[in-house]
Amino acid sequence: MRKRAVALFGVAAAVAGLVAAVPPPAGAAGPPGTATHTALDWKKCATKSAPRLQCASLEVPLDHERPHGRKITIALSRVAHTAKAYQGPLLVNPGGPGGSGLTMAGSVASALPEKAAAQYDVIGFDPRGVGRSRPALNCRPEHFAPVRPDTVPTTRALERAQLARARAFADACAAKYPDLLPFIDTVSTVRDMDAIRAALGAERLNYFGYSYGTYLGAVYGKLYPHRVRRMALDSMVDPTGVWYASNLRQDYAFDARHKALMAWIARHDKAYGLGKDPAAVEAEWYAMRAALARKPAGKKVGAAELEDTFLPGGYYNGAWPELAAAFAAYVHHKDTKPLLAAYDTYGAVDAAGENGYSVYTAVLCRDAHWPRDWGTWRDDNRRAYAKAPFYTWNNAWYNAPCAFWPTHSLTPPDVSNASLPPVLMFQATDDAATPYDGAITLHRALRGSRLVVERGGGNHGVTLSGNACLDGHLAAYLASGELPSSGGEVDAVCAATPEPEPLPAERRSARGGAQGTGRGAMSVPWSTMGA
């Protein structure tokens, strides 16, 4: 799903250090029956946080129906196994579409308990069009340059301005990448994943995916059920809603999550002084939004950029203290410095974000049907906005290029599956990016799957983020295949991690907070970063 938050991985740093070739890891015989050859030339690309990281590239067909035609390049990374008991490759994906996964190999290998991680070659990859894969898309640089028009089309002029932006983005993609756009889609990416498996010399694949990565996993399982060994999925995409309906459902969920932030601020009135009534705090936030629409902060943060800045709080509550401090500084002192710093951290779009958004739109617009009549969008979003004002129109314009997309739409595959080994799934009950009902839908569609729920949790991407209960289930499954007992709709429940505490007073008054690359980052929170 949509990617807006703090940067997770430093892809450029991960790949910049390519040096001499490193031989395949010793003893990599694989599970019984797995081929031992490899077509990949692994080279060191270590980082401080991933000192054993290696990188390689793989050529795949642009069009998998024409395997001898034009080739594109997929960038790969690996942290090789160290245990004698080797369970094969574990392919990982952070979500998106458009999320780079190169440094995710190092992050997963270090975040998993050593006993589990040591038994796998953890494999990251940049999907076609993304990051270090070639060619990489950037349809319209500066598309998100501030200050953008107000997202809420209260006048015809505002609606026309936003429609012009959406059409310009679609037209730019069509002009720059007419030969690529028909092949930037989920099924093509899934076929790349199987090409990665084959290049690794593995008969079967282990897979771990977050957010949109859960949809990749479900589609991979549908197309290649005999190639799946183990599969863990975190924060499920509803496969029945791709993609227009799913985005409308997000509007309501993110509005509820925004209200949860307002309630948290009200509970911490001593720290922020915005009142103890959540409704009054929310009204103050919308008053701030209206003021910024009239006079953007630093000529950079208007109404649209404010929404961009606060949206990551819907993905990850670790962002709440900094967002609340910026909110309070503006309300009490008209101090815009904390707000501008928060925008730079959470909302601003860099070149990686432009690339990610280009692939996001290319995949979603190609994958499934979108209305071509803007009147349908207008009516649906007006209805949603009446009940969920925080995110609805921002989300509508984010996806609006699909109304003008130059390629025709594909038909999404039915991912229901009775042929897979048991899939382990994780979901927070109050996740806004991939609402809970979607997890139940996918759980029912994948026969024999197990669903572990974080009850009361609202973050998106809940494993390997500090919840020992969830991480214990994941580690046991990867280490030995152990699953919770089947319990019907939900198979195991973990308590949510505690909510964050306000920043200390000296940090609340400081100019900035944690640094990141904003909206161009991953869609999965890892430890202290949001997505």
Protein backbone atom coordinates (compact mmCIF):
# COMPACT_ATOMS: atom_id res chain seq x y z
CA MET A 1 0.00 0.00 0.00
CA ARG A 2 0.85 3.67 -0.02
CA LYS A 3 4.29 4.51 1.30
CA ARG A 4 4.77 7.59 3.45
CA ALA A 5 7.05 7.72 6.46
CA VAL A 6 10.50 7.78 7.89
CA ALA A 7 13.27 6.19 5.85
CA LEU A 8 14.08 2.66 6.81
CA PHE A 9 17.02 1.61 4.75
CA GLY A 10 19.99 3.48 3.24
CA VAL A 11 19.97 1.83 -0.16
CA ALA A 12 22.57 4.08 -1.74
CA ALA A 13 24.98 3.38 1.09
CA ALA A 14 24.30 -0.32 0.85
CA VAL A 15 25.20 -0.52 -2.80
CA ALA A 16 27.88 2.15 -3.07
CA GLY A 17 30.56 -0.07 -1.57
CA LEU A 18 30.59 -2.83 -4.19
CA VAL A 19 34.03 -4.46 -4.32
CA ALA A 20 35.62 -7.77 -5.28
CA ALA A 21 33.53 -10.85 -5.84
CA VAL A 22 32.81 -13.13 -2.90
CA PRO A 23 32.33 -16.86 -3.49
CA PRO A 24 29.04 -18.53 -2.62
CA PRO A 25 28.82 -19.43 1.09
CA ALA A 26 30.41 -22.70 2.03
CA GLY A 27 28.12 -25.60 2.63
CA ALA A 28 25.18 -24.05 0.79
CA ALA A 29 23.75 -27.38 -0.21
CA GLY A 30 20.17 -26.37 0.52
CA PRO A 31 17.19 -28.41 1.61
CA PRO A 32 16.87 -31.92 0.18
CA GLY A 33 16.48 -31.80 -3.58
CA THR A 34 17.59 -28.17 -3.96
CA ALA A 35 19.97 -27.41 -6.81
CA THR A 36 23.39 -26.16 -5.68
CA HIS A 37 24.38 -24.01 -8.67
CA THR A 38 24.06 -20.22 -8.79
CA ALA A 39 24.06 -17.79 -11.66
CA LEU A 40 24.70 -14.80 -9.41
CA ASP A 41 27.99 -12.97 -8.90
CA TRP A 42 27.83 -11.78 -5.30
CA LYS A 43 30.01 -8.82 -4.30
CA LYS A 44 30.57 -7.19 -0.95
CA CYS A 45 28.42 -4.13 -0.24
CA ALA A 46 28.71 -4.00 3.52
CA THR A 47 27.34 -1.21 5.66
CA LYS A 48 27.92 -0.42 9.34
CA SER A 49 24.62 -2.01 10.26
CA ALA A 50 25.02 -4.94 7.84
CA PRO A 51 28.72 -5.85 7.73
CA ARG A 52 28.08 -9.13 5.91
CA LEU A 53 25.83 -7.70 3.20
CA GLN A 54 26.52 -8.81 -0.37
CA CYS A 55 24.96 -7.55 -3.60
CA ALA A 56 24.36 -8.95 -7.06
CA SER A 57 22.14 -8.33 -10.07
CA LEU A 58 19.94 -10.57 -12.18
CA GLU A 59 18.70 -10.08 -15.72
CA VAL A 60 15.06 -11.00 -16.27
CA PRO A 61 12.76 -10.60 -19.27
CA LEU A 62 10.87 -7.33 -19.44
CA ASP A 63 7.98 -9.41 -20.75
CA HIS A 64 7.96 -12.88 -19.23
CA GLU A 65 5.83 -14.08 -22.12
CA ARG A 66 8.84 -13.32 -24.34
CA PRO A 67 11.72 -14.84 -22.38
CA HIS A 68 14.27 -14.19 -25.13
CA GLY A 69 13.25 -10.57 -25.66
CA ARG A 70 14.43 -7.39 -23.96
CA LYS A 71 16.00 -7.81 -20.53
CA ILE A 72 15.90 -5.61 -17.43
CA THR A 73 18.04 -5.86 -14.30
CA ILE A 74 16.90 -6.67 -10.77
CA ALA A 75 19.21 -5.56 -7.93
CA LEU A 76 19.67 -8.15 -5.16
CA SER A 77 21.25 -8.30 -1.72
CA ARG A 78 22.11 -11.17 0.61
CA VAL A 79 23.19 -11.95 4.14
CA ALA A 80 24.43 -15.52 3.87
CA HIS A 81 23.59 -18.21 6.41
CA THR A 82 26.15 -19.19 9.05
CA ALA A 83 24.58 -22.30 10.58
CA LYS A 84 25.30 -25.84 9.41
CA ALA A 85 21.56 -26.46 9.25
CA TYR A 86 20.66 -24.50 6.12
CA GLN A 87 17.00 -23.95 5.23
CA GLY A 88 17.43 -22.16 1.91
CA PRO A 89 16.83 -18.58 0.79
CA LEU A 90 14.45 -16.28 2.66
CA LEU A 91 13.28 -13.64 0.18
CA VAL A 92 12.06 -10.47 1.92
CA ASN A 93 10.00 -7.51 0.73
CA PRO A 94 9.13 -4.30 2.65
CA GLY A 95 5.98 -3.34 0.74
CA GLY A 96 5.05 -0.50 -1.50
CA PRO A 97 4.56 -0.87 -4.38
CA GLY A 98 7.77 1.01 -5.03
CA GLY A 99 9.62 0.12 -1.84
CA SER A 100 13.33 -0.66 -2.13
CA GLY A 101 14.30 -3.86 -0.36
CA LEU A 102 18.06 -4.02 -0.80
CA THR A 103 19.08 -3.21 2.75
CA MET A 104 16.11 -5.11 4.18
CA ALA A 105 18.20 -8.28 3.96
CA GLY A 106 20.61 -6.88 6.54
CA SER A 107 17.81 -5.49 8.70
CA VAL A 108 15.89 -8.77 8.83
CA ALA A 109 19.03 -10.82 9.40
CA SER A 110 19.97 -8.64 12.38
CA ALA A 111 16.45 -8.28 13.81
CA LEU A 112 15.56 -11.98 13.78
CA PRO A 113 16.84 -14.14 16.63
CA GLU A 114 20.24 -15.45 15.59
CA LYS A 115 19.15 -19.08 15.72
CA ALA A 116 16.53 -18.45 13.04
CA ALA A 117 18.46 -15.96 10.89
CA ALA A 118 21.60 -18.10 10.79
CA GLN A 119 19.77 -20.88 8.95
CA TYR A 120 18.81 -18.76 5.95
CA ASP A 121 20.35 -16.77 3.17
CA VAL A 122 18.27 -13.61 3.66
CA ILE A 123 17.67 -12.12 0.21
CA GLY A 124 16.52 -8.56 -0.46
CA PHE A 125 15.65 -7.08 -3.83
CA ASP A 126 14.59 -3.91 -5.55
CA PRO A 127 11.51 -4.82 -7.61
CA ARG A 128 11.46 -3.92 -11.29
CA GLY A 129 11.60 -0.17 -11.78
CA VAL A 130 12.74 0.51 -8.20
CA GLY A 131 15.96 1.88 -6.74
CA ARG A 132 19.07 0.12 -8.04
CA SER A 133 17.18 -2.08 -10.48
CA ARG A 134 17.45 -0.88 -14.04
CA PRO A 135 15.78 0.91 -15.61
CA ALA A 136 14.41 2.83 -12.62
CA LEU A 137 11.36 5.04 -13.04
CA ASN A 138 11.02 8.74 -12.22
CA CYS A 139 8.10 10.01 -14.22
CA ARG A 140 7.87 13.63 -13.12
CA PRO A 141 10.57 15.05 -10.86
CA GLU A 142 9.32 17.66 -8.39
CA HIS A 143 5.74 16.40 -8.64
CA PHE A 144 5.43 16.83 -4.87
CA ALA A 145 7.37 20.07 -4.65
CA PRO A 146 5.76 22.39 -2.11
CA VAL A 147 3.49 24.23 -1.88
CA ARG A 148 0.81 22.14 -3.61
CA PRO A 149 -2.83 23.13 -3.97
CA ASP A 150 -5.12 22.40 -1.04
CA THR A 151 -6.24 18.78 -1.35
CA VAL A 152 -9.86 19.52 -0.46
CA PRO A 153 -11.49 20.76 -3.70
CA THR A 154 -13.77 23.37 -2.19
CA THR A 155 -13.77 25.26 -5.49
CA ARG A 156 -13.76 24.22 -9.13
CA ALA A 157 -10.41 25.96 -9.52
CA LEU A 158 -8.82 23.73 -6.86
CA GLU A 159 -10.29 20.62 -8.45
CA ARG A 160 -9.03 21.67 -11.89
CA ALA A 161 -5.56 22.32 -10.49
CA GLN A 162 -5.38 18.90 -8.88
CA LEU A 163 -6.73 17.17 -11.98
CA ALA A 164 -4.12 18.94 -14.08
CA ARG A 165 -1.37 17.66 -11.76
CA ALA A 166 -2.69 14.10 -11.94
CA ARG A 167 -3.00 14.17 -15.72
CA ALA A 168 0.46 15.72 -16.06
CA PHE A 169 1.95 12.88 -14.04
CA ALA A 170 0.23 10.20 -16.13
CA ASP A 171 1.23 11.97 -19.35
CA ALA A 172 4.84 12.25 -18.20
CA CYS A 173 4.98 8.52 -17.44
CA ALA A 174 3.50 7.73 -20.84
CA ALA A 175 6.03 9.93 -22.61
CA LYS A 176 9.10 8.66 -20.73
CA TYR A 177 8.31 4.96 -20.35
CA PRO A 178 5.86 3.80 -23.05
CA ASP A 179 7.69 0.49 -23.46
CA LEU A 180 8.00 -0.22 -19.71
CA LEU A 181 4.58 0.67 -18.27
CA PRO A 182 2.76 -2.40 -19.63
CA PHE A 183 5.17 -4.57 -17.61
CA ILE A 184 5.33 -2.74 -14.27
CA ASP A 185 2.73 -4.75 -12.37
CA THR A 186 2.35 -7.27 -9.57
CA VAL A 187 2.30 -10.44 -11.68
CA SER A 188 5.47 -9.41 -13.53
CA THR A 189 7.18 -8.75 -10.18
CA VAL A 190 6.06 -12.16 -8.93
CA ARG A 191 7.59 -13.78 -11.99
CA ASP A 192 10.80 -11.91 -11.21
CA MET A 193 10.66 -13.41 -7.72
CA ASP A 194 10.55 -16.87 -9.20
CA ALA A 195 13.46 -16.00 -11.47
CA ILE A 196 15.37 -15.00 -8.31
CA ARG A 197 14.52 -18.37 -6.78
CA ALA A 198 15.82 -20.19 -9.86
CA ALA A 199 19.02 -18.11 -9.95
CA LEU A 200 19.62 -18.99 -6.31
CA GLY A 201 19.44 -22.66 -7.23
CA ALA A 202 16.55 -23.32 -4.84
CA GLU A 203 13.69 -25.65 -5.68
CA ARG A 204 11.50 -23.92 -3.10
CA LEU A 205 11.40 -20.43 -1.65
CA ASN A 206 10.91 -19.09 1.86
CA TYR A 207 9.26 -15.68 1.85
CA PHE A 208 8.61 -12.87 4.33
CA GLY A 209 6.66 -9.80 3.20
CA TYR A 210 5.08 -6.70 4.71
CA SER A 211 2.06 -4.70 3.51
CA TYR A 212 2.00 -4.80 -0.32
CA GLY A 213 4.58 -7.54 0.12
CA THR A 214 1.78 -9.72 1.52
CA TYR A 215 -0.04 -9.36 -1.79
CA LEU A 216 3.12 -10.28 -3.65
CA GLY A 217 3.34 -13.37 -1.46
CA ALA A 218 -0.29 -14.33 -2.02
CA VAL A 219 0.05 -13.94 -5.80
CA TYR A 220 3.35 -15.87 -5.80
CA GLY A 221 1.64 -18.66 -3.89
CA LYS A 222 -1.17 -18.71 -6.45
CA LEU A 223 1.14 -18.88 -9.46
CA TYR A 224 3.81 -21.11 -7.90
CA PRO A 225 2.29 -23.07 -5.00
CA HIS A 226 4.78 -25.92 -5.48
CA ARG A 227 7.65 -23.46 -5.07
CA VAL A 228 6.66 -22.27 -1.57
CA ARG A 229 8.39 -23.77 1.45
CA ARG A 230 7.45 -21.28 4.19
CA MET A 231 5.71 -17.93 3.98
CA ALA A 232 5.23 -15.26 6.66
CA LEU A 233 3.07 -12.20 5.93
CA ASP A 234 2.70 -9.05 8.05
CA SER A 235 -0.11 -6.47 7.64
CA MET A 236 -2.34 -7.97 4.99
CA VAL A 237 -3.62 -6.37 1.83
CA ASP A 238 -7.24 -7.33 1.18
CA PRO A 239 -6.96 -9.14 -2.17
CA THR A 240 -10.62 -8.48 -2.97
CA GLY A 241 -10.18 -4.68 -2.92
CA VAL A 242 -7.23 -4.03 -5.22
CA TRP A 243 -6.88 -1.17 -5.63
CA TYR A 244 -9.64 1.46 -5.89
CA ALA A 245 -11.84 0.01 -3.17
CA SER A 246 -8.90 -0.60 -0.83
CA ASN A 247 -7.88 3.04 -1.01
CA LEU A 248 -11.38 4.20 -0.15
CA ARG A 249 -11.38 1.87 2.85
CA GLN A 250 -8.07 3.32 3.97
CA ASP A 251 -9.65 6.78 4.20
CA TYR A 252 -11.89 5.73 7.09
CA ALA A 253 -9.13 3.78 8.82
CA PHE A 254 -6.61 6.62 8.67
CA ASP A 255 -9.20 9.07 9.96
CA ALA A 256 -9.76 6.80 12.96
CA ARG A 257 -6.02 6.56 13.52
CA HIS A 258 -5.68 10.35 13.31
CA LYS A 259 -8.37 10.61 15.98
CA ALA A 260 -6.34 8.17 18.08
CA LEU A 261 -3.39 10.58 17.86
CA MET A 262 -5.63 13.47 18.90
CA ALA A 263 -6.85 11.41 21.88
CA TRP A 264 -3.26 10.59 22.85
CA ILE A 265 -2.39 14.30 22.77
CA ALA A 266 -5.41 15.01 24.98
CA ARG A 267 -4.26 12.36 27.48
CA HIS A 268 -0.91 14.14 27.63
CA ASP A 269 -2.29 17.63 28.13
CA LYS A 270 0.42 18.38 30.70
CA ALA A 271 3.03 17.97 27.97
CA TYR A 272 1.26 19.68 25.09
CA GLY A 273 -1.33 22.00 26.64
CA LEU A 274 -3.86 21.49 23.86
CA GLY A 275 -6.72 20.44 26.13
CA LYS A 276 -8.08 17.22 27.55
CA ASP A 277 -10.97 16.83 25.09
CA PRO A 278 -9.93 14.84 21.97
CA ALA A 279 -12.60 16.55 19.87
CA ALA A 280 -11.30 19.97 20.87
CA VAL A 281 -7.73 18.94 20.09
CA GLU A 282 -8.86 17.71 16.68
CA ALA A 283 -10.68 20.99 16.04
CA GLU A 284 -7.44 22.81 16.88
CA TRP A 285 -5.58 20.66 14.36
CA TYR A 286 -8.06 21.55 11.61
CA ALA A 287 -7.73 25.21 12.59
CA MET A 288 -3.96 24.84 12.11
CA ARG A 289 -4.61 23.25 8.75
CA ALA A 290 -6.82 26.15 7.67
CA ALA A 291 -4.21 28.69 8.80
CA LEU A 292 -1.46 26.90 6.85
CA ALA A 293 -3.68 26.77 3.77
CA ARG A 294 -3.82 30.58 3.94
CA LYS A 295 -0.16 31.08 4.89
CA PRO A 296 2.16 28.09 4.43
CA ALA A 297 4.90 27.71 7.03
CA GLY A 298 8.27 28.72 5.64
CA LYS A 299 6.68 28.85 2.19
CA LYS A 300 6.92 25.05 2.36
CA VAL A 301 4.19 23.52 4.54
CA GLY A 302 0.67 24.26 3.40
CA ALA A 303 -2.46 22.19 3.97
CA ALA A 304 -1.36 19.34 1.68
CA GLU A 305 2.11 19.18 3.19
CA LEU A 306 0.65 19.19 6.71
CA GLU A 307 -1.38 16.12 5.80
CA ASP A 308 1.73 14.50 4.34
CA THR A 309 3.59 15.22 7.57
CA PHE A 310 0.95 13.78 9.89
CA LEU A 311 0.04 10.77 7.76
CA PRO A 312 3.01 8.68 9.03
CA GLY A 313 1.46 8.97 12.48
CA GLY A 314 -1.25 6.73 11.08
CA TYR A 315 1.35 4.10 10.24
CA TYR A 316 3.47 4.25 13.36
CA ASN A 317 2.75 5.75 16.76
CA GLY A 318 6.46 6.26 17.39
CA ALA A 319 6.04 9.44 15.33
CA TRP A 320 3.36 10.82 17.66
CA PRO A 321 5.59 12.64 20.17
CA GLU A 322 7.43 14.64 17.51
CA LEU A 323 4.24 15.41 15.58
CA ALA A 324 2.46 16.49 18.76
CA ALA A 325 5.36 18.73 19.74
CA ALA A 326 5.32 20.44 16.34
CA PHE A 327 1.54 20.86 16.57
CA ALA A 328 1.77 22.41 20.05
CA ALA A 329 4.63 24.75 19.10
CA TYR A 330 2.61 26.12 16.22
CA VAL A 331 -0.60 26.55 18.22
CA HIS A 332 0.99 28.14 21.29
CA HIS A 333 3.80 30.19 19.81
CA LYS A 334 3.26 30.21 16.04
CA ASP A 335 6.71 28.59 16.01
CA THR A 336 7.02 26.82 12.66
CA LYS A 337 10.53 25.42 13.11
CA PRO A 338 9.43 22.10 14.67
CA LEU A 339 6.73 21.73 12.02
CA LEU A 340 9.21 22.35 9.21
CA ALA A 341 11.60 19.83 10.76
CA ALA A 342 8.79 17.28 11.04
CA TYR A 343 7.90 17.87 7.39
CA ASP A 344 11.50 17.27 6.36
CA THR A 345 11.49 14.04 8.35
CA TYR A 346 8.08 12.63 7.54
CA GLY A 347 6.55 14.43 4.58
CA ALA A 348 9.15 15.68 2.12
CA VAL A 349 9.78 13.70 -1.05
CA ASP A 350 13.31 13.11 -2.29
CA ALA A 351 14.50 11.41 -5.48
CA ALA A 352 14.00 7.96 -3.97
CA GLY A 353 10.45 8.99 -3.10
CA GLU A 354 9.84 10.17 -6.65
CA ASN A 355 11.04 6.80 -7.90
CA GLY A 356 8.86 4.97 -5.39
CA TYR A 357 5.76 6.97 -6.31
CA SER A 358 6.38 6.39 -10.02
CA VAL A 359 6.45 2.63 -9.47
CA TYR A 360 3.52 2.82 -7.05
CA THR A 361 1.30 4.44 -9.65
CA ALA A 362 2.58 2.22 -12.46
CA VAL A 363 1.77 -0.96 -10.52
CA LEU A 364 -1.57 0.07 -9.08
CA CYS A 365 -2.88 1.66 -12.27
CA ARG A 366 -1.90 -1.38 -14.33
CA ASP A 367 -2.92 -4.08 -11.85
CA ALA A 368 -6.66 -3.53 -11.73
CA HIS A 369 -9.56 -1.43 -12.94
CA TRP A 370 -9.85 2.23 -11.93
CA PRO A 371 -12.79 4.47 -12.89
CA ARG A 372 -12.01 6.64 -15.91
CA ASP A 373 -14.96 8.94 -15.22
CA TRP A 374 -13.85 11.59 -12.73
CA GLY A 375 -17.45 11.99 -11.64
CA THR A 376 -17.23 8.56 -10.00
CA TRP A 377 -14.13 9.58 -8.05
CA ARG A 378 -15.75 12.86 -7.05
CA ASP A 379 -18.90 11.20 -5.72
CA ASP A 380 -17.07 8.40 -3.88
CA ASN A 381 -14.58 10.74 -2.25
CA ARG A 382 -17.20 13.29 -1.25
CA ARG A 383 -19.05 10.52 0.59
CA ALA A 384 -15.87 9.36 2.29
CA TYR A 385 -14.77 12.89 3.17
CA ALA A 386 -18.05 13.59 4.93
CA LYS A 387 -17.17 10.91 7.48
CA ALA A 388 -13.37 10.80 7.23
CA PRO A 389 -11.95 14.25 6.43
CA PHE A 390 -8.31 13.77 7.47
CA TYR A 391 -6.98 11.71 4.58
CA THR A 392 -9.66 11.24 1.93
CA TRP A 393 -8.82 13.90 -0.63
CA ASN A 394 -5.07 13.65 -0.12
CA ASN A 395 -5.35 9.95 -0.90
CA ALA A 396 -7.64 10.59 -3.87
CA TRP A 397 -5.15 12.92 -5.56
CA TYR A 398 -2.28 10.58 -4.75
CA ASN A 399 -4.00 7.89 -6.80
CA ALA A 400 -5.70 10.17 -9.35
CA PRO A 401 -3.16 9.52 -12.16
CA CYS A 402 -4.88 6.13 -12.52
CA ALA A 403 -7.91 7.95 -13.98
CA PHE A 404 -5.69 8.97 -16.91
CA TRP A 405 -3.24 6.07 -17.06
CA PRO A 406 -1.98 5.20 -20.56
CA THR A 407 -2.12 1.40 -20.24
CA HIS A 408 -5.26 -0.69 -19.96
CA SER A 409 -5.91 -2.51 -16.71
CA LEU A 410 -5.28 -6.16 -15.94
CA THR A 411 -7.56 -8.52 -14.03
CA PRO A 412 -6.21 -9.30 -10.55
CA PRO A 413 -5.68 -13.01 -9.88
CA ASP A 414 -7.91 -14.84 -7.44
CA VAL A 415 -5.41 -15.67 -4.69
CA SER A 416 -7.57 -18.23 -2.86
CA ASN A 417 -5.39 -21.26 -2.36
CA ALA A 418 -5.66 -24.75 -0.94
CA SER A 419 -2.27 -25.92 -2.22
CA LEU A 420 0.16 -23.98 -0.04
CA PRO A 421 1.97 -25.15 3.07
CA PRO A 422 0.66 -23.31 6.15
CA VAL A 423 1.23 -19.56 5.88
CA LEU A 424 1.84 -17.55 9.06
CA MET A 425 0.15 -14.13 9.13
CA PHE A 426 0.43 -11.14 11.49
CA GLN A 427 -1.99 -8.23 11.85
CA ALA A 428 -2.73 -5.36 14.23
CA THR A 429 -6.43 -4.83 14.89
CA ASP A 430 -6.27 -1.05 14.37
CA ASP A 431 -3.86 -0.91 11.43
CA ALA A 432 -4.97 1.89 9.10
CA ALA A 433 -2.89 1.15 6.00
CA THR A 434 -4.12 -2.44 5.72
CA PRO A 435 -7.32 -2.64 7.79
CA TYR A 436 -8.04 -5.70 9.90
CA ASP A 437 -10.90 -7.03 7.77
CA GLY A 438 -8.45 -7.60 4.94
CA ALA A 439 -6.40 -9.94 7.12
CA ILE A 440 -9.47 -12.00 7.89
CA THR A 441 -10.28 -12.16 4.18
CA LEU A 442 -6.79 -13.38 3.24
CA HIS A 443 -6.69 -15.79 6.20
CA ARG A 444 -9.87 -17.43 4.90
CA ALA A 445 -8.54 -17.47 1.33
CA LEU A 446 -5.33 -19.33 2.22
CA ARG A 447 -6.44 -22.70 3.55
CA GLY A 448 -4.43 -23.88 6.54
CA SER A 449 -2.96 -20.44 7.26
CA ARG A 450 -2.57 -19.16 10.81
CA LEU A 451 -3.34 -15.60 11.91
CA VAL A 452 -1.59 -13.97 14.87
CA VAL A 453 -3.29 -10.73 15.95
CA GLU A 454 -1.86 -7.83 17.91
CA ARG A 455 -4.97 -6.82 19.82
CA GLY A 456 -5.30 -3.06 20.24
CA GLY A 457 -2.24 -2.38 18.11
CA GLY A 458 -2.45 0.35 15.50
CA ASN A 459 0.94 0.21 13.82
CA HIS A 460 1.53 -1.04 10.31
CA GLY A 461 4.12 -3.80 10.12
CA VAL A 462 4.19 -5.24 13.63
CA THR A 463 6.86 -7.94 13.69
CA LEU A 464 10.52 -7.21 14.45
CA SER A 465 9.43 -3.94 16.06
CA GLY A 466 9.74 -4.80 19.72
CA ASN A 467 6.76 -7.07 20.41
CA ALA A 468 8.33 -10.21 21.89
CA CYS A 469 5.13 -12.22 21.57
CA LEU A 470 4.79 -11.59 17.84
CA ASP A 471 8.50 -12.05 17.23
CA GLY A 472 8.46 -15.34 19.12
CA HIS A 473 5.83 -16.74 16.77
CA LEU A 474 7.79 -15.56 13.74
CA ALA A 475 11.11 -16.95 14.97
CA ALA A 476 9.62 -20.34 15.87
CA TYR A 477 7.99 -20.64 12.47
CA LEU A 478 11.15 -19.78 10.57
CA ALA A 479 13.36 -21.97 12.76
CA SER A 480 11.25 -25.12 12.80
CA GLY A 481 7.94 -24.53 11.04
CA GLU A 482 6.13 -24.32 14.38
CA LEU A 483 2.66 -22.79 14.14
CA PRO A 484 0.04 -21.73 16.66
CA SER A 485 -2.84 -24.17 16.97
CA SER A 486 -5.71 -23.53 14.63
CA GLY A 487 -8.30 -21.40 16.38
CA GLY A 488 -10.74 -20.39 13.68
CA GLU A 489 -10.84 -16.73 12.73
CA VAL A 490 -7.84 -15.89 14.94
CA ASP A 491 -5.25 -18.46 15.94
CA ALA A 492 -3.17 -16.51 18.47
CA VAL A 493 -3.37 -13.13 20.18
CA CYS A 494 -0.57 -10.88 21.40
CA ALA A 495 -0.99 -7.74 23.48
CA ALA A 496 -0.05 -4.47 21.82
CA THR A 497 3.17 -2.75 22.75
CA PRO A 498 2.76 0.29 25.04
CA GLU A 499 1.99 3.67 23.53
CA PRO A 500 4.87 6.14 23.35
CA GLU A 501 5.49 8.79 25.99
CA PRO A 502 5.86 12.49 25.16
CA LEU A 503 9.33 13.77 24.35
CA PRO A 504 11.21 15.38 27.23
CA ALA A 505 10.54 19.10 27.47
CA GLU A 506 13.95 20.06 26.09
CA ARG A 507 13.38 17.96 22.97
CA ARG A 508 9.86 19.28 22.51
CA SER A 509 11.29 22.76 22.25
CA ALA A 510 14.18 21.74 19.99
CA ARG A 511 14.10 22.55 16.33
CA GLY A 512 14.19 19.07 14.87
CA GLY A 513 13.78 15.40 15.56
CA ALA A 514 14.85 12.17 13.94
CA GLN A 515 15.97 12.65 10.37
CA GLY A 516 14.67 10.73 7.39
CA THR A 517 13.82 10.96 3.74
CA GLY A 518 10.11 11.34 4.19
CA ARG A 519 7.50 10.09 1.85
CA GLY A 520 9.96 8.25 -0.33
CA ALA A 521 10.62 5.56 2.24
CA MET A 522 9.40 2.11 3.09
CA SER A 523 5.91 1.19 4.11
CA VAL A 524 6.95 -0.90 7.08
CA PRO A 525 8.07 0.33 10.49
CA TRP A 526 11.21 -1.28 11.84
CA SER A 527 12.01 -0.56 15.45
CA THR A 528 11.95 3.23 15.67
CA MET A 529 11.15 4.14 12.12
CA GLY A 530 7.75 4.50 10.63
CA ALA A 531 6.48 3.61 7.27
